Structures are given as structure tokens and as C-alpha cells.
Amino acid sequence: MPDRRGQREDAGGRDSEGVQTKQIAPTIPSLLGLAPRSLAAVREEHTTVLPVR
């Protein structure tokens, strides 16, 4: 059933695992096929990429 934005309710799904805002930084290069560890802060803070379905 579409929600008020016209999207299906099951389109994105939900995950109960916690997510940190800093995980966005390495996720974007990863989705673009680039190396997320090329970012100094990602290396220094051992930040992980968000799980993407």
C-alpha cells in the first residue's frame, strides 16, 4: 500500500542495528566504487561502511 509520499511501505525496510552519522562519510565513496579508507578520518576512527541492501 502506498504511503502519503506515494511510496510503498515495504520499499526501504528497517534494520534494528544502530547507525552512527559518521558512517555516512565512508558509505558514499563505497557506493560510488571508490575506496572509503582513502579518507583520513575513516582510517583514524576505524569507521565502518553502512550496510546497504
PDB file of N, CA and C in Angstrom:
ATOM      1  N   MET A   1       0.837  -1.176   0.000  1.00  0.00           N
ATOM      2  CA  MET A   1       0.000   0.000   0.000  1.00  0.00           C
ATOM      3  C   MET A   1       0.885   1.244   0.000  1.00  0.00           C
ATOM      4  N   PRO A   2       0.635   2.207  -0.882  1.00  0.00           N
ATOM      5  CA  PRO A   2       1.444   3.429  -0.913  1.00  0.00           C
ATOM      6  C   PRO A   2       1.216   4.295   0.312  1.00  0.00           C
ATOM      7  N   ASP A   3       2.291   4.947   0.780  1.00  0.00           N
ATOM      8  CA  ASP A   3       2.136   5.913   1.863  1.00  0.00           C
ATOM      9  C   ASP A   3       1.799   7.272   1.264  1.00  0.00           C
ATOM     10  N   ARG A   4       1.765   8.315   2.075  1.00  0.00           N
ATOM     11  CA  ARG A   4       1.352   9.623   1.545  1.00  0.00           C
ATOM     12  C   ARG A   4       2.362  10.227   0.572  1.00  0.00           C
ATOM     13  N   ARG A   5       3.572   9.712   0.522  1.00  0.00           N
ATOM     14  CA  ARG A   5       4.550  10.185  -0.465  1.00  0.00           C
ATOM     15  C   ARG A   5       4.457   9.389  -1.748  1.00  0.00           C
ATOM     16  N   GLY A   6       3.554   8.420  -1.796  1.00  0.00           N
ATOM     17  CA  GLY A   6       3.388   7.611  -2.991  1.00  0.00           C
ATOM     18  C   GLY A   6       4.332   6.421  -3.052  1.00  0.00           C
ATOM     19  N   GLN A   7       5.066   6.178  -1.972  1.00  0.00           N
ATOM     20  CA  GLN A   7       5.998   5.051  -1.953  1.00  0.00           C
ATOM     21  C   GLN A   7       5.371   3.889  -1.199  1.00  0.00           C
ATOM     22  N   ARG A   8       5.774   2.698  -1.571  1.00  0.00           N
ATOM     23  CA  ARG A   8       5.271   1.532  -0.868  1.00  0.00           C
ATOM     24  C   ARG A   8       5.911   1.467   0.510  1.00  0.00           C
ATOM     25  N   GLU A   9       5.148   1.025   1.485  1.00  0.00           N
ATOM     26  CA  GLU A   9       5.633   0.943   2.859  1.00  0.00           C
ATOM     27  C   GLU A   9       6.835   0.011   3.002  1.00  0.00           C
ATOM     28  N   ASP A  10       6.885  -1.052   2.202  1.00  0.00           N
ATOM     29  CA  ASP A  10       7.957  -2.031   2.323  1.00  0.00           C
ATOM     30  C   ASP A  10       9.148  -1.718   1.421  1.00  0.00           C
ATOM     31  N   ALA A  11       9.181  -0.539   0.828  1.00  0.00           N
ATOM     32  CA  ALA A  11      10.219  -0.199  -0.144  1.00  0.00           C
ATOM     33  C   ALA A  11      11.623  -0.210   0.454  1.00  0.00           C
ATOM     34  N   GLY A  12      11.824   0.384   1.624  1.00  0.00           N
ATOM     35  CA  GLY A  12      13.167   0.503   2.175  1.00  0.00           C
ATOM     36  C   GLY A  12      13.497  -0.542   3.215  1.00  0.00           C
ATOM     37  N   GLY A  13      12.535  -0.945   3.968  1.00  0.00           N
ATOM     38  CA  GLY A  13      12.794  -1.879   5.053  1.00  0.00           C
ATOM     39  C   GLY A  13      13.473  -1.163   6.209  1.00  0.00           C
ATOM     40  N   ARG A  14      13.525  -1.828   7.319  1.00  0.00           N
ATOM     41  CA  ARG A  14      14.154  -1.244   8.504  1.00  0.00           C
ATOM     42  C   ARG A  14      15.100  -2.250   9.116  1.00  0.00           C
ATOM     43  N   ASP A  15      16.109  -1.734   9.766  1.00  0.00           N
ATOM     44  CA  ASP A  15      17.092  -2.559  10.435  1.00  0.00           C
ATOM     45  C   ASP A  15      17.177  -2.084  11.880  1.00  0.00           C
ATOM     46  N   SER A  16      17.197  -2.996  12.806  1.00  0.00           N
ATOM     47  CA  SER A  16      17.227  -2.610  14.214  1.00  0.00           C
ATOM     48  C   SER A  16      18.633  -2.270  14.700  1.00  0.00           C
ATOM     49  N   GLU A  17      19.638  -2.468  13.851  1.00  0.00           N
ATOM     50  CA  GLU A  17      21.013  -2.177  14.228  1.00  0.00           C
ATOM     51  C   GLU A  17      21.242  -0.664  14.268  1.00  0.00           C
ATOM     52  N   GLY A  18      21.977  -0.191  15.267  1.00  0.00           N
ATOM     53  CA  GLY A  18      22.256   1.229  15.392  1.00  0.00           C
ATOM     54  C   GLY A  18      23.166   1.737  14.285  1.00  0.00           C
ATOM     55  N   VAL A  19      22.983   2.994  13.936  1.00  0.00           N
ATOM     56  CA  VAL A  19      23.773   3.633  12.889  1.00  0.00           C
ATOM     57  C   VAL A  19      24.312   4.943  13.432  1.00  0.00           C
ATOM     58  N   GLN A  20      25.564   5.234  13.107  1.00  0.00           N
ATOM     59  CA  GLN A  20      26.164   6.498  13.522  1.00  0.00           C
ATOM     60  C   GLN A  20      26.279   7.419  12.318  1.00  0.00           C
ATOM     61  N   THR A  21      26.078   8.703  12.545  1.00  0.00           N
ATOM     62  CA  THR A  21      26.153   9.684  11.468  1.00  0.00           C
ATOM     63  C   THR A  21      27.492   9.625  10.749  1.00  0.00           C
ATOM     64  N   LYS A  22      28.566   9.369  11.474  1.00  0.00           N
ATOM     65  CA  LYS A  22      29.892   9.341  10.845  1.00  0.00           C
ATOM     66  C   LYS A  22      30.032   8.218   9.828  1.00  0.00           C
ATOM     67  N   GLN A  23      29.129   7.243   9.838  1.00  0.00           N
ATOM     68  CA  GLN A  23      29.191   6.154   8.872  1.00  0.00           C
ATOM     69  C   GLN A  23      28.769   6.588   7.468  1.00  0.00           C
ATOM     70  N   ILE A  24      28.163   7.756   7.349  1.00  0.00           N
ATOM     71  CA  ILE A  24      27.755   8.256   6.033  1.00  0.00           C
ATOM     72  C   ILE A  24      28.983   8.571   5.187  1.00  0.00           C
ATOM     73  N   ALA A  25      30.019   9.138   5.808  1.00  0.00           N
ATOM     74  CA  ALA A  25      31.221   9.550   5.070  1.00  0.00           C
ATOM     75  C   ALA A  25      31.864   8.400   4.287  1.00  0.00           C
ATOM     76  N   PRO A  26      32.104   7.232   4.872  1.00  0.00           N
ATOM     77  CA  PRO A  26      32.705   6.159   4.083  1.00  0.00           C
ATOM     78  C   PRO A  26      31.712   5.451   3.166  1.00  0.00           C
ATOM     79  N   THR A  27      30.427   5.571   3.453  1.00  0.00           N
ATOM     80  CA  THR A  27      29.426   4.873   2.651  1.00  0.00           C
ATOM     81  C   THR A  27      29.296   5.493   1.265  1.00  0.00           C
ATOM     82  N   ILE A  28      29.354   6.803   1.165  1.00  0.00           N
ATOM     83  CA  ILE A  28      29.188   7.474  -0.127  1.00  0.00           C
ATOM     84  C   ILE A  28      30.283   7.072  -1.117  1.00  0.00           C
ATOM     85  N   PRO A  29      31.563   7.167  -0.764  1.00  0.00           N
ATOM     86  CA  PRO A  29      32.583   6.710  -1.728  1.00  0.00           C
ATOM     87  C   PRO A  29      32.434   5.228  -2.073  1.00  0.00           C
ATOM     88  N   SER A  30      32.041   4.431  -1.088  1.00  0.00           N
ATOM     89  CA  SER A  30      31.858   2.999  -1.334  1.00  0.00           C
ATOM     90  C   SER A  30      30.782   2.762  -2.392  1.00  0.00           C
ATOM     91  N   LEU A  31      29.676   3.480  -2.296  1.00  0.00           N
ATOM     92  CA  LEU A  31      28.602   3.336  -3.274  1.00  0.00           C
ATOM     93  C   LEU A  31      29.024   3.803  -4.667  1.00  0.00           C
ATOM     94  N   LEU A  32      29.987   4.713  -4.713  1.00  0.00           N
ATOM     95  CA  LEU A  32      30.491   5.226  -5.991  1.00  0.00           C
ATOM     96  C   LEU A  32      31.632   4.379  -6.550  1.00  0.00           C
ATOM     97  N   GLY A  33      31.986   3.319  -5.836  1.00  0.00           N
ATOM     98  CA  GLY A  33      33.048   2.442  -6.301  1.00  0.00           C
ATOM     99  C   GLY A  33      34.439   2.944  -5.945  1.00  0.00           C
ATOM    100  N   LEU A  34      34.521   3.876  -5.011  1.00  0.00           N
ATOM    101  CA  LEU A  34      35.807   4.427  -4.575  1.00  0.00           C
ATOM    102  C   LEU A  34      36.205   3.792  -3.244  1.00  0.00           C
ATOM    103  N   ALA A  35      37.428   4.020  -2.830  1.00  0.00           N
ATOM    104  CA  ALA A  35      37.933   3.444  -1.586  1.00  0.00           C
ATOM    105  C   ALA A  35      37.585   4.337  -0.399  1.00  0.00           C
ATOM    106  N   PRO A  36      36.703   3.896   0.484  1.00  0.00           N
ATOM    107  CA  PRO A  36      36.344   4.719   1.634  1.00  0.00           C
ATOM    108  C   PRO A  36      37.521   4.959   2.582  1.00  0.00           C
ATOM    109  N   ARG A  37      38.475   4.038   2.610  1.00  0.00           N
ATOM    110  CA  ARG A  37      39.626   4.205   3.505  1.00  0.00           C
ATOM    111  C   ARG A  37      40.604   5.250   2.997  1.00  0.00           C
ATOM    112  N   SER A  38      40.324   5.838   1.842  1.00  0.00           N
ATOM    113  CA  SER A  38      41.170   6.935   1.375  1.00  0.00           C
ATOM    114  C   SER A  38      40.901   8.209   2.181  1.00  0.00           C
ATOM    115  N   LEU A  39      39.827   8.216   2.946  1.00  0.00           N
ATOM    116  CA  LEU A  39      39.522   9.346   3.829  1.00  0.00           C
ATOM    117  C   LEU A  39      40.272   9.165   5.146  1.00  0.00           C
ATOM    118  N   ALA A  40      41.075  10.152   5.516  1.00  0.00           N
ATOM    119  CA  ALA A  40      41.906  10.047   6.721  1.00  0.00           C
ATOM    120  C   ALA A  40      41.077   9.775   7.973  1.00  0.00           C
ATOM    121  N   ALA A  41      39.971  10.467   8.145  1.00  0.00           N
ATOM    122  CA  ALA A  41      39.144  10.291   9.351  1.00  0.00           C
ATOM    123  C   ALA A  41      38.584   8.876   9.439  1.00  0.00           C
ATOM    124  N   VAL A  42      38.260   8.283   8.310  1.00  0.00           N
ATOM    125  CA  VAL A  42      37.736   6.913   8.294  1.00  0.00           C
ATOM    126  C   VAL A  42      38.812   5.953   8.789  1.00  0.00           C
ATOM    127  N   ARG A  43      40.035   6.152   8.318  1.00  0.00           N
ATOM    128  CA  ARG A  43      41.153   5.301   8.765  1.00  0.00           C
ATOM    129  C   ARG A  43      41.433   5.510  10.243  1.00  0.00           C
ATOM    130  N   GLU A  44      41.516   6.759  10.666  1.00  0.00           N
ATOM    131  CA  GLU A  44      41.894   7.073  12.048  1.00  0.00           C
ATOM    132  C   GLU A  44      40.840   6.620  13.060  1.00  0.00           C
ATOM    133  N   GLU A  45      39.566   6.726  12.699  1.00  0.00           N
ATOM    134  CA  GLU A  45      38.496   6.382  13.632  1.00  0.00           C
ATOM    135  C   GLU A  45      37.942   4.973  13.417  1.00  0.00           C
ATOM    136  N   HIS A  46      38.517   4.246  12.452  1.00  0.00           N
ATOM    137  CA  HIS A  46      38.081   2.872  12.152  1.00  0.00           C
ATOM    138  C   HIS A  46      36.568   2.826  11.897  1.00  0.00           C
ATOM    139  N   THR A  47      36.087   3.770  11.096  1.00  0.00           N
ATOM    140  CA  THR A  47      34.664   3.884  10.792  1.00  0.00           C
ATOM    141  C   THR A  47      34.263   2.850   9.754  1.00  0.00           C
ATOM    142  N   THR A  48      33.142   2.201   9.990  1.00  0.00           N
ATOM    143  CA  THR A  48      32.656   1.178   9.063  1.00  0.00           C
ATOM    144  C   THR A  48      31.626   1.758   8.092  1.00  0.00           C
ATOM    145  N   VAL A  49      31.509   1.120   6.955  1.00  0.00           N
ATOM    146  CA  VAL A  49      30.536   1.491   5.931  1.00  0.00           C
ATOM    147  C   VAL A  49      29.160   0.978   6.375  1.00  0.00           C
ATOM    148  N   LEU A  50      28.126   1.764   6.083  1.00  0.00           N
ATOM    149  CA  LEU A  50      26.761   1.318   6.399  1.00  0.00           C
ATOM    150  C   LEU A  50      26.387   0.114   5.553  1.00  0.00           C
ATOM    151  N   PRO A  51      25.643  -0.831   6.134  1.00  0.00           N
ATOM    152  CA  PRO A  51      25.175  -1.956   5.327  1.00  0.00           C
ATOM    153  C   PRO A  51      24.137  -1.472   4.323  1.00  0.00           C
ATOM    154  N   VAL A  52      24.323  -1.828   3.073  1.00  0.00           N
ATOM    155  CA  VAL A  52      23.416  -1.394   2.006  1.00  0.00           C
ATOM    156  C   VAL A  52      22.808  -2.634   1.377  1.00  0.00           C
ATOM    157  N   ARG A  53      21.513  -2.596   1.199  1.00  0.00           N
ATOM    158  CA  ARG A  53      20.824  -3.751   0.602  1.00  0.00           C
ATOM    159  C   ARG A  53      20.722  -3.605  -0.872  1.00  0.00           C
TER     160      ARG A  53
END
